[in-house]
Protein backbone atom coordinates (compact mmCIF):
# COMPACT_ATOMS: atom_id res chain seq x y z
CA MET A 1 56.04 137.37 110.34
CA ALA A 2 57.26 137.26 113.92
CA GLN A 3 54.47 139.43 115.36
CA LEU A 4 50.73 140.08 115.30
CA VAL A 5 48.96 143.36 115.91
CA GLY A 6 46.57 143.22 118.88
CA GLN A 7 43.78 145.58 119.92
CA GLY A 8 44.76 149.20 120.06
CA GLY A 9 47.53 148.66 117.50
CA GLN A 10 49.83 147.05 120.11
CA PRO A 11 52.12 144.44 118.45
CA ILE A 12 52.21 140.97 120.07
CA VAL A 13 55.59 139.34 119.51
CA ILE A 14 55.25 135.57 119.05
CA LEU A 15 58.55 134.53 117.47
CA PRO A 16 61.86 136.14 118.41
CA GLU A 17 63.55 138.62 116.10
CA GLY A 18 65.55 137.03 113.28
CA THR A 19 63.41 133.87 113.04
CA GLN A 20 62.85 132.74 109.48
CA ARG A 21 59.56 131.15 108.51
CA TYR A 22 58.41 129.58 105.28
CA ILE A 23 54.72 128.70 105.03
CA GLY A 24 52.65 126.42 102.78
CA ARG A 25 53.76 126.23 99.15
CA ASP A 26 57.04 128.07 99.89
CA ALA A 27 58.01 125.57 102.56
CA GLN A 28 57.21 122.62 100.29
CA ARG A 29 59.02 124.12 97.32
CA LEU A 30 62.21 124.85 99.28
CA ASN A 31 62.26 121.48 101.03
CA ILE A 32 61.69 119.57 97.80
CA LEU A 33 64.36 121.62 96.05
CA ALA A 34 66.91 120.98 98.81
CA ALA A 35 66.24 117.23 98.77
CA ARG A 36 66.40 117.10 94.98
CA ILE A 37 69.75 118.87 94.89
CA VAL A 38 71.16 116.20 97.22
CA ALA A 39 69.76 113.47 94.97
CA GLU A 40 71.25 115.16 91.89
CA THR A 41 74.63 115.34 93.62
CA VAL A 42 74.92 111.57 94.03
CA ARG A 43 73.00 110.62 90.88
CA THR A 44 76.08 110.70 88.64
CA THR A 45 77.73 108.00 90.77
CA LEU A 46 75.04 105.38 90.09
CA GLY A 47 75.85 102.22 88.18
CA PRO A 48 78.97 100.58 86.72
CA LYS A 49 79.76 103.66 84.64
CA GLY A 50 79.09 106.15 87.46
CA MET A 51 81.67 108.83 88.20
CA ASP A 52 83.50 109.39 91.51
CA LYS A 53 83.47 112.43 93.79
CA MET A 54 86.48 114.09 95.37
CA LEU A 55 85.56 115.56 98.74
CA VAL A 56 87.94 117.89 100.53
CA ASP A 57 87.18 118.77 104.14
CA SER A 58 88.10 121.94 106.04
CA LEU A 59 91.44 120.40 107.09
CA GLY A 60 92.34 119.55 103.50
CA ASP A 61 91.82 115.78 103.92
CA ILE A 62 90.72 114.17 100.69
CA VAL A 63 88.20 111.37 100.15
CA ILE A 64 87.66 109.97 96.65
CA THR A 65 84.59 107.77 96.54
CA ASN A 66 81.64 106.45 94.59
CA ASP A 67 79.69 105.40 97.67
CA GLY A 68 76.46 107.40 98.20
CA ALA A 69 76.46 107.11 102.00
CA THR A 70 80.10 108.21 102.25
CA ILE A 71 79.57 111.19 99.93
CA LEU A 72 76.56 112.47 101.87
CA ASP A 73 78.25 111.83 105.20
CA LYS A 74 81.26 113.93 104.21
CA ILE A 75 79.39 116.90 102.67
CA ASP A 76 78.60 119.62 105.19
CA LEU A 77 74.90 120.20 104.53
CA GLN A 78 73.00 123.12 106.04
CA HIS A 79 69.41 122.68 104.94
CA PRO A 80 67.25 120.51 107.26
CA ALA A 81 65.46 118.74 104.37
CA ALA A 82 68.85 117.96 102.81
CA LYS A 83 69.97 116.42 106.09
CA MET A 84 66.94 114.12 105.97
CA MET A 85 68.28 112.71 102.69
CA VAL A 86 71.54 111.88 104.47
CA GLU A 87 69.49 109.86 106.97
CA VAL A 88 68.01 107.88 104.03
CA ALA A 89 71.51 106.91 102.89
CA LYS A 90 72.63 106.02 106.43
CA THR A 91 69.58 103.83 107.06
CA GLN A 92 70.08 102.05 103.75
CA ASP A 93 73.74 101.48 104.54
CA GLU A 94 73.03 100.05 107.99
CA GLU A 95 70.09 97.87 106.95
CA ALA A 96 71.17 96.53 103.57
CA GLY A 97 74.77 97.67 103.07
CA ASP A 98 74.34 98.60 99.41
CA GLY A 99 71.91 100.67 97.32
CA THR A 100 72.52 103.96 99.15
CA THR A 101 72.66 105.99 95.93
CA THR A 102 69.57 104.18 94.59
CA ALA A 103 67.58 105.08 97.71
CA VAL A 104 68.53 108.77 97.58
CA VAL A 105 67.93 109.06 93.82
CA ILE A 106 64.47 107.46 94.16
CA ALA A 107 63.60 109.79 97.07
CA GLY A 108 64.61 112.83 94.98
CA GLU A 109 62.53 111.67 92.00
CA LEU A 110 59.48 110.88 94.17
CA LEU A 111 59.61 114.47 95.41
CA ARG A 112 60.00 115.86 91.87
CA LYS A 113 56.93 113.92 90.73
CA ALA A 114 55.03 115.03 93.84
CA GLU A 115 55.84 118.67 93.08
CA GLU A 116 54.32 118.28 89.61
CA LEU A 117 51.12 116.98 91.23
CA ILE A 118 51.09 119.81 93.79
CA ASP A 119 51.35 122.26 90.87
CA GLN A 120 48.15 120.64 89.52
CA ASN A 121 46.48 121.51 92.86
CA ILE A 122 46.50 117.97 94.21
CA HIS A 123 46.76 118.11 98.00
CA PRO A 124 49.92 116.61 99.57
CA SER A 125 47.73 114.36 101.79
CA ILE A 126 46.34 112.65 98.68
CA ILE A 127 49.86 112.23 97.27
CA VAL A 128 51.01 110.78 100.60
CA LYS A 129 48.12 108.28 100.58
CA GLY A 130 48.87 107.25 96.99
CA TYR A 131 52.58 106.84 97.76
CA THR A 132 51.80 104.74 100.85
CA LEU A 133 49.58 102.41 98.79
CA ALA A 134 52.29 102.19 96.12
CA VAL A 135 55.00 101.25 98.66
CA GLU A 136 52.87 98.46 100.14
CA LYS A 137 52.14 97.11 96.66
CA ALA A 138 55.80 97.44 95.63
CA GLN A 139 56.90 95.27 98.60
CA GLU A 140 54.38 92.59 97.52
CA ILE A 141 55.61 92.73 93.92
CA LEU A 142 59.25 92.40 95.03
CA GLU A 143 58.39 89.27 97.05
CA ASP A 144 56.54 87.92 94.01
CA ILE A 145 59.35 88.46 91.47
CA ALA A 146 62.24 87.48 93.76
CA ILE A 147 64.00 84.23 92.96
CA LYS A 148 64.85 81.87 95.81
CA VAL A 149 68.46 80.70 95.89
CA ASP A 150 70.51 78.31 97.98
CA PRO A 151 72.26 80.49 100.62
CA GLU A 152 75.37 78.34 100.26
CA ASP A 153 75.56 78.54 96.45
CA GLU A 154 79.02 80.07 96.07
CA GLU A 155 78.58 81.02 92.41
CA THR A 156 75.49 83.15 93.17
CA LEU A 157 77.17 84.74 96.19
CA ILE A 158 80.20 85.73 94.10
CA LYS A 159 77.93 87.29 91.45
CA ILE A 160 76.13 89.25 94.19
CA ALA A 161 79.45 90.51 95.61
CA LYS A 162 80.74 91.43 92.12
CA THR A 163 77.58 93.44 91.39
CA ALA A 164 78.10 95.42 94.61
CA ILE A 165 81.76 96.16 93.74
CA THR A 166 81.11 97.08 90.08
CA GLY A 167 81.27 100.81 89.48
CA LYS A 168 83.69 101.50 92.32
CA SER A 169 87.42 102.21 91.87
CA ALA A 170 88.14 98.67 93.04
CA GLU A 171 86.27 97.24 90.04
CA SER A 172 89.40 96.01 88.25
CA HIS A 173 90.02 93.62 91.17
CA ARG A 174 86.38 92.69 91.73
CA GLU A 175 86.90 88.96 91.06
CA HIS A 176 89.51 88.69 93.82
CA LEU A 177 87.65 90.94 96.29
CA ALA A 178 84.32 89.17 95.70
CA LYS A 179 85.94 85.83 96.54
CA LEU A 180 87.45 87.29 99.73
CA ALA A 181 84.06 88.68 100.78
CA VAL A 182 82.22 85.40 100.14
CA GLU A 183 84.87 83.29 101.92
CA ALA A 184 84.86 85.62 104.93
CA VAL A 185 81.07 85.66 105.29
CA LYS A 186 80.76 81.89 104.85
CA GLN A 187 83.42 81.36 107.51
CA VAL A 188 81.71 83.48 110.19
CA ALA A 189 78.11 82.45 109.31
CA GLU A 190 76.35 80.39 111.95
CA LYS A 191 73.36 78.14 111.29
CA LYS A 192 70.47 78.38 113.75
CA ASP A 193 67.19 76.47 113.23
CA GLY A 194 68.08 75.85 109.57
CA LYS A 195 68.70 79.56 108.90
CA PHE A 196 71.97 81.41 108.61
CA GLU A 197 72.94 84.28 110.88
CA VAL A 198 75.93 86.44 110.03
CA ASP A 199 77.50 88.92 112.44
CA ILE A 200 79.78 90.94 110.20
CA ASP A 201 81.52 92.44 113.25
CA ASN A 202 83.42 89.15 113.29
CA ILE A 203 85.07 90.10 110.01
CA LYS A 204 87.95 92.40 110.84
CA ILE A 205 89.39 94.61 108.13
CA GLU A 206 93.02 95.73 108.43
CA LYS A 207 94.55 98.15 105.90
CA LYS A 208 98.20 98.59 105.00
CA GLU A 209 99.68 100.58 102.14
CA GLY A 210 102.05 98.91 99.72
CA GLU A 211 101.79 96.02 97.24
CA SER A 212 98.72 95.96 94.99
CA VAL A 213 95.05 95.30 95.69
CA GLU A 214 95.56 91.76 94.31
CA GLU A 215 97.80 91.04 97.32
CA SER A 216 94.86 91.56 99.69
CA GLN A 217 94.23 88.32 101.55
CA LEU A 218 91.88 86.55 103.92
CA ILE A 219 93.47 85.31 107.12
CA ARG A 220 91.56 82.50 108.83
CA GLY A 221 92.22 84.03 112.17
CA VAL A 222 93.04 87.49 113.48
CA VAL A 223 95.62 90.11 112.56
CA ILE A 224 96.53 92.50 115.35
CA ASP A 225 98.25 95.80 114.70
CA LYS A 226 100.71 95.36 117.61
CA GLU A 227 104.16 93.91 118.22
CA ARG A 228 105.60 91.56 120.83
CA VAL A 229 106.59 93.37 124.02
CA HIS A 230 110.17 92.11 124.33
CA PRO A 231 112.82 91.66 121.61
CA ARG A 232 114.00 88.33 123.12
CA MET A 233 110.57 86.76 122.70
CA PRO A 234 110.14 84.34 119.78
CA LYS A 235 108.90 85.97 116.57
CA ARG A 236 107.21 82.81 115.37
CA VAL A 237 105.32 80.21 117.39
CA GLU A 238 103.95 77.10 115.71
CA ASN A 239 101.14 75.06 117.30
CA ALA A 240 100.37 78.03 119.48
CA LYS A 241 98.50 77.59 122.75
CA ILE A 242 96.98 80.98 123.35
CA ALA A 243 96.05 82.59 126.66
CA LEU A 244 93.77 85.65 126.68
CA ILE A 245 93.98 87.79 129.81
CA SER A 246 91.83 90.89 130.24
CA ASP A 247 93.69 92.11 133.33
CA ALA A 248 97.19 93.60 133.61
CA LEU A 249 100.28 91.50 134.32
CA GLU A 250 101.43 94.03 136.90
CA ILE A 251 101.37 94.46 140.66
CA LYS A 252 98.04 96.03 141.52
CA LYS A 253 98.16 99.36 143.25
CA THR A 254 95.96 99.63 146.32
CA GLU A 255 92.57 101.29 145.86
CA THR A 256 93.10 103.59 148.86
CA ASP A 257 96.19 105.63 149.66
CA ALA A 258 98.62 103.42 151.53
CA LYS A 259 101.95 104.16 153.18
CA ILE A 260 104.67 101.66 153.91
CA ASN A 261 107.14 102.65 156.61
CA ILE A 262 110.54 101.15 155.94
CA THR A 263 113.10 101.68 158.66
CA ALA A 264 115.95 99.45 157.53
CA PRO A 265 117.58 98.61 154.16
CA ASP A 266 116.82 94.89 154.51
CA GLN A 267 113.10 95.70 154.83
CA LEU A 268 113.25 97.54 151.47
CA TYR A 269 115.06 94.60 149.97
CA ALA A 270 112.42 92.19 151.31
CA PHE A 271 109.63 94.41 149.95
CA LEU A 272 111.15 94.54 146.46
CA GLU A 273 111.84 90.82 146.58
CA GLN A 274 108.18 90.19 147.47
CA GLU A 275 107.03 92.28 144.47
CA GLU A 276 109.38 90.36 142.21
CA LYS A 277 108.10 87.04 143.58
CA MET A 278 104.47 88.03 142.94
CA ILE A 279 105.29 88.83 139.29
CA LYS A 280 107.29 85.62 138.91
CA ASP A 281 104.36 83.65 140.34
CA MET A 282 102.06 85.22 137.75
CA VAL A 283 104.36 84.18 134.91
CA ASP A 284 104.88 80.69 136.42
CA GLN A 285 101.10 80.30 136.52
CA ILE A 286 100.96 81.05 132.76
CA VAL A 287 103.88 78.71 132.00
CA ALA A 288 102.24 75.92 134.05
CA THR A 289 99.16 75.93 131.79
CA GLY A 290 101.37 75.21 128.77
CA ALA A 291 100.60 78.53 127.07
CA ASN A 292 103.25 79.78 124.62
CA VAL A 293 101.41 82.92 123.39
CA VAL A 294 99.75 85.51 125.67
CA PHE A 295 97.49 88.40 124.67
CA VAL A 296 96.89 90.91 127.46
CA GLN A 297 94.23 93.63 127.30
CA LYS A 298 96.13 95.92 129.70
CA GLY A 299 99.80 96.47 130.50
CA ILE A 300 102.64 94.01 131.14
CA ASP A 301 105.23 94.91 133.78
CA ASP A 302 108.88 95.14 132.59
CA LEU A 303 109.87 92.34 134.91
CA ALA A 304 107.00 90.17 133.71
CA GLN A 305 108.18 90.80 130.13
CA HIS A 306 111.64 89.56 131.11
CA TYR A 307 110.30 86.35 132.70
CA LEU A 308 107.94 85.68 129.77
CA ALA A 309 110.80 86.13 127.29
CA LYS A 310 112.93 83.78 129.39
CA ALA A 311 110.16 81.16 129.23
CA GLY A 312 110.02 81.54 125.41
CA ILE A 313 106.48 82.96 125.45
CA LEU A 314 105.34 85.50 122.83
CA ALA A 315 103.35 88.22 124.63
CA VAL A 316 101.36 91.18 123.30
CA ARG A 317 99.94 93.95 125.49
CA ARG A 318 97.23 96.62 125.26
CA VAL A 319 95.12 94.57 122.83
CA LYS A 320 91.75 96.20 122.14
CA LYS A 321 88.71 94.62 123.78
CA SER A 322 87.11 94.01 120.35
CA ASP A 323 90.28 92.25 119.19
CA MET A 324 90.32 90.11 122.34
CA GLU A 325 86.75 89.00 121.56
CA LYS A 326 87.69 88.19 117.97
CA LEU A 327 90.71 86.20 119.18
CA ALA A 328 88.42 84.22 121.48
CA LYS A 329 86.04 83.47 118.60
CA ALA A 330 88.86 82.54 116.22
CA THR A 331 91.04 80.41 118.52
CA GLY A 332 88.45 79.03 120.92
CA ALA A 333 90.26 80.52 123.93
CA LYS A 334 88.39 81.84 126.96
CA ILE A 335 89.11 85.38 128.13
CA VAL A 336 90.30 85.18 131.75
CA THR A 337 90.15 88.17 134.09
CA ASN A 338 92.67 86.92 136.62
CA VAL A 339 95.89 85.02 135.92
CA LYS A 340 95.25 82.82 138.99
CA ASP A 341 92.12 81.44 137.29
CA LEU A 342 93.96 80.47 134.08
CA THR A 343 93.95 76.74 133.33
CA SER A 344 95.05 74.71 130.31
CA GLU A 345 91.36 74.32 129.32
CA ASP A 346 91.08 78.10 128.81
CA LEU A 347 93.75 78.12 126.10
CA GLY A 348 92.96 78.57 122.41
CA TYR A 349 94.77 77.05 119.45
CA ALA A 350 96.30 78.35 116.24
CA GLU A 351 98.71 76.65 113.85
CA LEU A 352 100.86 79.75 113.72
CA VAL A 353 101.32 83.02 115.60
CA GLU A 354 103.91 85.20 113.94
CA GLU A 355 105.11 88.79 114.01
CA ARG A 356 105.55 90.09 110.46
CA LYS A 357 106.63 93.45 109.10
CA ILE A 358 103.97 94.85 106.77
CA ALA A 359 104.69 98.22 105.15
CA GLY A 360 107.39 98.88 107.77
CA GLU A 361 105.13 98.16 110.75
CA SER A 362 105.00 95.04 112.88
CA MET A 363 101.75 93.08 113.02
CA ILE A 364 100.88 89.87 114.80
CA PHE A 365 99.25 87.21 112.62
CA VAL A 366 97.22 84.50 114.35
CA GLU A 367 96.32 82.03 111.63
CA GLY A 368 95.42 78.44 110.90
CA CYS A 369 92.66 78.34 113.52
CA ARG A 370 90.25 75.40 113.66
CA ASN A 371 86.94 76.57 112.14
CA PRO A 372 87.40 80.19 113.23
CA LYS A 373 84.24 82.26 113.82
CA ALA A 374 86.24 85.46 113.37
CA VAL A 375 88.45 86.23 110.36
CA THR A 376 90.53 89.12 109.07
CA ILE A 377 90.83 90.62 105.61
CA LEU A 378 94.13 92.40 105.09
CA ILE A 379 93.74 95.04 102.37
CA ARG A 380 96.76 96.19 100.40
CA GLY A 381 96.93 98.95 97.78
CA GLY A 382 99.15 101.59 96.26
CA THR A 383 97.89 104.63 98.15
CA GLU A 384 95.77 105.46 101.16
CA HIS A 385 92.87 106.60 98.94
CA VAL A 386 92.90 103.34 96.99
CA ILE A 387 92.85 101.29 100.20
CA ASP A 388 89.99 103.34 101.67
CA GLU A 389 87.86 102.88 98.55
CA VAL A 390 88.66 99.14 98.43
CA GLU A 391 87.55 98.94 102.07
CA ARG A 392 84.23 100.61 101.23
CA ALA A 393 83.72 98.27 98.26
CA LEU A 394 84.54 95.22 100.39
CA GLU A 395 82.17 96.32 103.16
CA ASP A 396 79.34 96.63 100.62
CA ALA A 397 80.18 93.21 99.16
CA ILE A 398 80.30 91.58 102.62
CA LYS A 399 76.93 93.09 103.55
CA VAL A 400 75.15 91.97 100.36
CA VAL A 401 76.52 88.44 100.69
CA LYS A 402 75.22 88.44 104.27
CA ASP A 403 71.79 89.63 103.01
CA VAL A 404 71.53 86.73 100.54
CA MET A 405 72.74 84.13 103.04
CA GLU A 406 70.12 85.30 105.55
CA ASP A 407 67.20 85.89 103.15
CA GLY A 408 67.96 83.43 100.34
CA ALA A 409 66.29 85.61 97.69
CA ILE A 410 67.66 87.67 94.78
CA LEU A 411 66.42 90.11 92.13
CA PRO A 412 67.81 91.16 88.73
CA GLY A 413 69.89 94.38 88.69
CA GLY A 414 70.53 96.80 85.83
CA GLY A 415 67.21 98.58 86.32
CA ALA A 416 65.19 95.42 85.54
CA THR A 417 63.50 95.30 88.96
CA GLU A 418 62.54 98.99 88.83
CA ILE A 419 61.05 98.58 85.32
CA GLU A 420 59.00 95.57 86.46
CA LEU A 421 57.79 97.53 89.51
CA SER A 422 56.93 100.52 87.33
CA ILE A 423 54.87 98.41 84.88
CA ARG A 424 53.00 96.58 87.64
CA LEU A 425 52.34 99.71 89.74
CA ASP A 426 50.91 101.43 86.68
CA GLU A 427 48.34 98.62 86.35
CA TYR A 428 47.66 98.78 90.09
CA GLY A 429 47.03 102.55 89.88
CA LYS A 430 44.32 101.98 87.27
CA GLN A 431 42.59 99.52 89.62
CA VAL A 432 42.70 101.92 92.58
CA GLY A 433 41.22 104.87 90.62
CA GLY A 434 40.48 108.35 92.01
CA LYS A 435 43.10 111.03 92.68
CA GLU A 436 45.31 108.51 94.56
CA ALA A 437 45.79 106.78 91.19
CA LEU A 438 47.67 109.87 90.00
CA ALA A 439 50.07 109.55 92.94
CA ILE A 440 50.55 105.81 92.32
CA GLU A 441 51.23 106.59 88.66
CA ALA A 442 53.75 109.27 89.72
CA PHE A 443 55.43 106.68 92.00
CA SER A 444 55.63 104.20 89.13
CA GLU A 445 57.13 106.86 86.84
CA ALA A 446 59.63 107.91 89.53
CA LEU A 447 61.09 104.39 89.66
CA LYS A 448 62.15 104.70 86.02
CA ILE A 449 64.80 107.18 87.21
CA ILE A 450 67.08 104.19 88.00
CA PRO A 451 67.31 102.65 84.48
CA LYS A 452 67.28 106.21 83.08
CA THR A 453 70.26 107.21 85.23
CA LEU A 454 72.16 103.99 84.45
CA ALA A 455 71.81 104.76 80.73
CA GLU A 456 72.68 108.44 81.21
CA ASN A 457 75.83 107.69 83.24
CA ALA A 458 76.97 105.23 80.55
CA GLY A 459 76.64 107.92 77.87
CA LEU A 460 73.73 106.17 76.13
CA ASP A 461 70.70 107.82 74.55
CA THR A 462 68.37 107.81 77.57
CA ILE A 463 64.95 107.96 75.89
CA ASP A 464 65.88 105.53 73.13
CA MET A 465 67.36 103.07 75.66
CA LEU A 466 64.38 103.29 78.02
CA VAL A 467 61.85 102.64 75.24
CA LYS A 468 63.87 99.64 74.00
CA VAL A 469 64.31 98.14 77.47
CA ILE A 470 60.66 98.54 78.48
CA SER A 471 59.37 96.96 75.26
CA GLU A 472 61.81 94.02 75.54
CA HIS A 473 61.01 93.70 79.24
CA LYS A 474 57.32 93.28 78.43
CA THR A 475 57.97 90.65 75.74
CA LYS A 476 61.01 88.74 77.03
CA GLY A 477 60.46 88.75 80.80
CA LYS A 478 61.14 90.46 84.10
CA ALA A 479 64.93 89.95 84.09
CA ILE A 480 65.51 92.31 81.13
CA GLY A 481 67.52 95.37 82.17
CA ILE A 482 70.23 97.59 80.73
CA ASP A 483 73.64 96.15 79.98
CA VAL A 484 75.58 99.42 80.18
CA PHE A 485 78.76 97.86 78.80
CA ALA A 486 77.13 96.59 75.60
CA GLY A 487 74.63 99.48 75.51
CA GLU A 488 71.65 97.20 74.94
CA PRO A 489 68.81 95.45 76.80
CA ALA A 490 69.90 92.09 78.24
CA ASP A 491 68.87 89.35 80.64
CA MET A 492 70.45 90.42 83.93
CA PHE A 493 70.54 86.91 85.41
CA GLU A 494 72.50 85.70 82.39
CA ARG A 495 74.93 88.63 82.74
CA GLY A 496 75.37 87.91 86.46
CA VAL A 497 73.97 91.29 87.54
CA ILE A 498 71.98 90.34 90.62
CA GLU A 499 71.09 92.01 93.90
CA PRO A 500 69.63 90.88 97.24
CA ILE A 501 65.91 91.45 97.75
CA ARG A 502 66.74 93.27 101.01
CA VAL A 503 68.58 96.05 99.15
CA LYS A 504 65.60 96.82 96.88
CA LYS A 505 62.97 96.53 99.61
CA GLN A 506 64.86 98.82 101.95
CA ALA A 507 65.70 101.35 99.21
CA ILE A 508 62.03 101.77 98.30
CA LYS A 509 60.96 101.86 101.95
CA SER A 510 63.48 104.45 103.12
CA ALA A 511 63.16 106.59 99.96
CA SER A 512 59.37 106.78 100.17
CA GLU A 513 59.35 107.38 103.94
CA ALA A 514 61.70 110.34 103.53
CA ALA A 515 59.71 111.71 100.57
CA ILE A 516 56.43 111.38 102.51
CA MET A 517 57.90 113.08 105.55
CA ILE A 518 59.15 116.03 103.48
CA LEU A 519 55.79 116.32 101.64
CA ARG A 520 53.86 116.57 104.89
CA ILE A 521 55.76 119.69 106.00
CA ASP A 522 53.93 122.93 105.25
CA ASP A 523 55.64 125.24 107.72
CA VAL A 524 59.34 125.71 108.44
CA ILE A 525 60.17 127.83 111.47
CA ALA A 526 63.90 128.28 111.86
CA ALA A 527 65.45 130.01 114.85
CA LYS A 528 68.22 132.49 114.31
CA ARG A 529 71.51 130.63 114.37
CA VAL A 530 74.02 131.72 116.98
CA LYS A 531 76.88 133.38 115.12
CA SER A 532 80.13 131.53 115.53
CA GLU A 533 83.08 133.76 116.12
CA GLY A 534 84.51 135.27 112.99
CA SER A 535 82.07 133.47 110.72
CA GLY A 536 79.43 136.16 110.72
CA GLN A 537 76.89 133.56 109.63
CA GLY A 538 73.36 133.89 110.94
CA MET A 539 70.36 132.12 109.45
CA GLU A 540 71.65 132.50 105.89
CA GLY A 541 72.44 128.75 105.83
CA MET A 542 68.73 127.98 105.39
CA GLY A 543 68.96 129.09 101.81
CA GLU A 544 72.18 127.28 101.04
CA MET A 545 73.56 123.83 101.52
CA GLY A 546 77.22 123.70 102.43
CA GLY A 547 78.32 125.79 99.50
CA MET A 548 75.70 124.31 97.12
CA ASN A 549 73.47 127.22 96.29
CA MET A 550 69.77 126.51 96.16
CA MET A 551 69.12 128.51 93.01
CA GLY A 552 67.62 125.46 91.27
């Protein structure tokens, strides 16, 4: 494998010793198998009745989640094709925020269908061409069946958020969390040229254990995980005038090494007095602007703390840069680099700035801002694992609400969209004809994996359910999907199971791109892995995936 025999029987070494190489059918079979195992791993988490995974890392830290992207991110995968499936989930998460499991499951099924065609001696290039045609057509069909909605229609937005949260551990509180997500997104959304733009970085999520998930709240302002710097400072300031300073309230040290020769005690006294005066001037400058709350990105000198406390100013130091930017957006304050430049016009406003003890730790609440363009959601919950999963659910909900506000188009969930795509692609395949039609047909069949999995995870009879849903879908319309709670076909719009068009479009795009990339590989050349000390592991990882054996 790693050498050829030249003239005179002399071997010519091309690849170094220990290199593993899989060629042609072997390479395709192993890559497809690895990708399918990843898809099978997350498949059981799909839908409202999906199960959760408990992931334990090498340090013993536990993550309990239902989120496809999180699961794949936490599993230590070895096989290169398996790692490509992780990229599918990451892309889906970044682009659409939800539908990570859907994307991976579709990619796995596309590869399974492709393998069946390869077994019938259909060349991967033909399959790739058929899949490419199918994806383009699928995007057109999605645009055609999508329903336009008013981006400000709160009822639709709440349904969208609830659909994203359903199936996660936080489901029992989905009503409350969906409302929080919608309120937060609507608050930070900005209208430009008649279209909404939402920067979800302006929604800060803070987590604190204790209370129940129902106690989670939206603060129209910013919560900072810090405390005031001096105990004599006020704990509560109403009608706060807020100064944001990115520099330190300290005497600057000289850039170069400097020596001061002091020959008499009164010179030392004068030097210290001068330092004290400089700090007092800084604080006087702040007081003169009328500020009664100060957030400083760097340190605050002990003496400055004393003077600020004396002036009745609440000060917080070492505030993160990202928090400073959020404070500026929420309160309308300008971030000033030098205290000397601070004027009363640079100050922001909040009805209340207060230090509160949450779960035994002090936090500063800045709330009651005028039309804040940055908000905070404070998540509460019984345990760390609950809070983490609520955070993941909320992030998904926030992202899907953002999608709908920006695109203004929705699709039915519950497998209805995939069934409609499958039916229409089947017809399209017949029009295309030739061998590519087989690949388009395989693509259309692969999409049925979503309703199939939803039924399977709900403990329903898969074949029976699929037949029923498809026949009702053809007679009663494109919104008919599976109601997994009632175990029957139902109109998904009526049941409030709706998803943004962006989630579906991206899921089909990223799934098919990954499947096509894996199909085009006919040669895997893997260098010998450097053995880490004590592990004794060489290239054996190619055949395994982080403890998941590839004996499919």
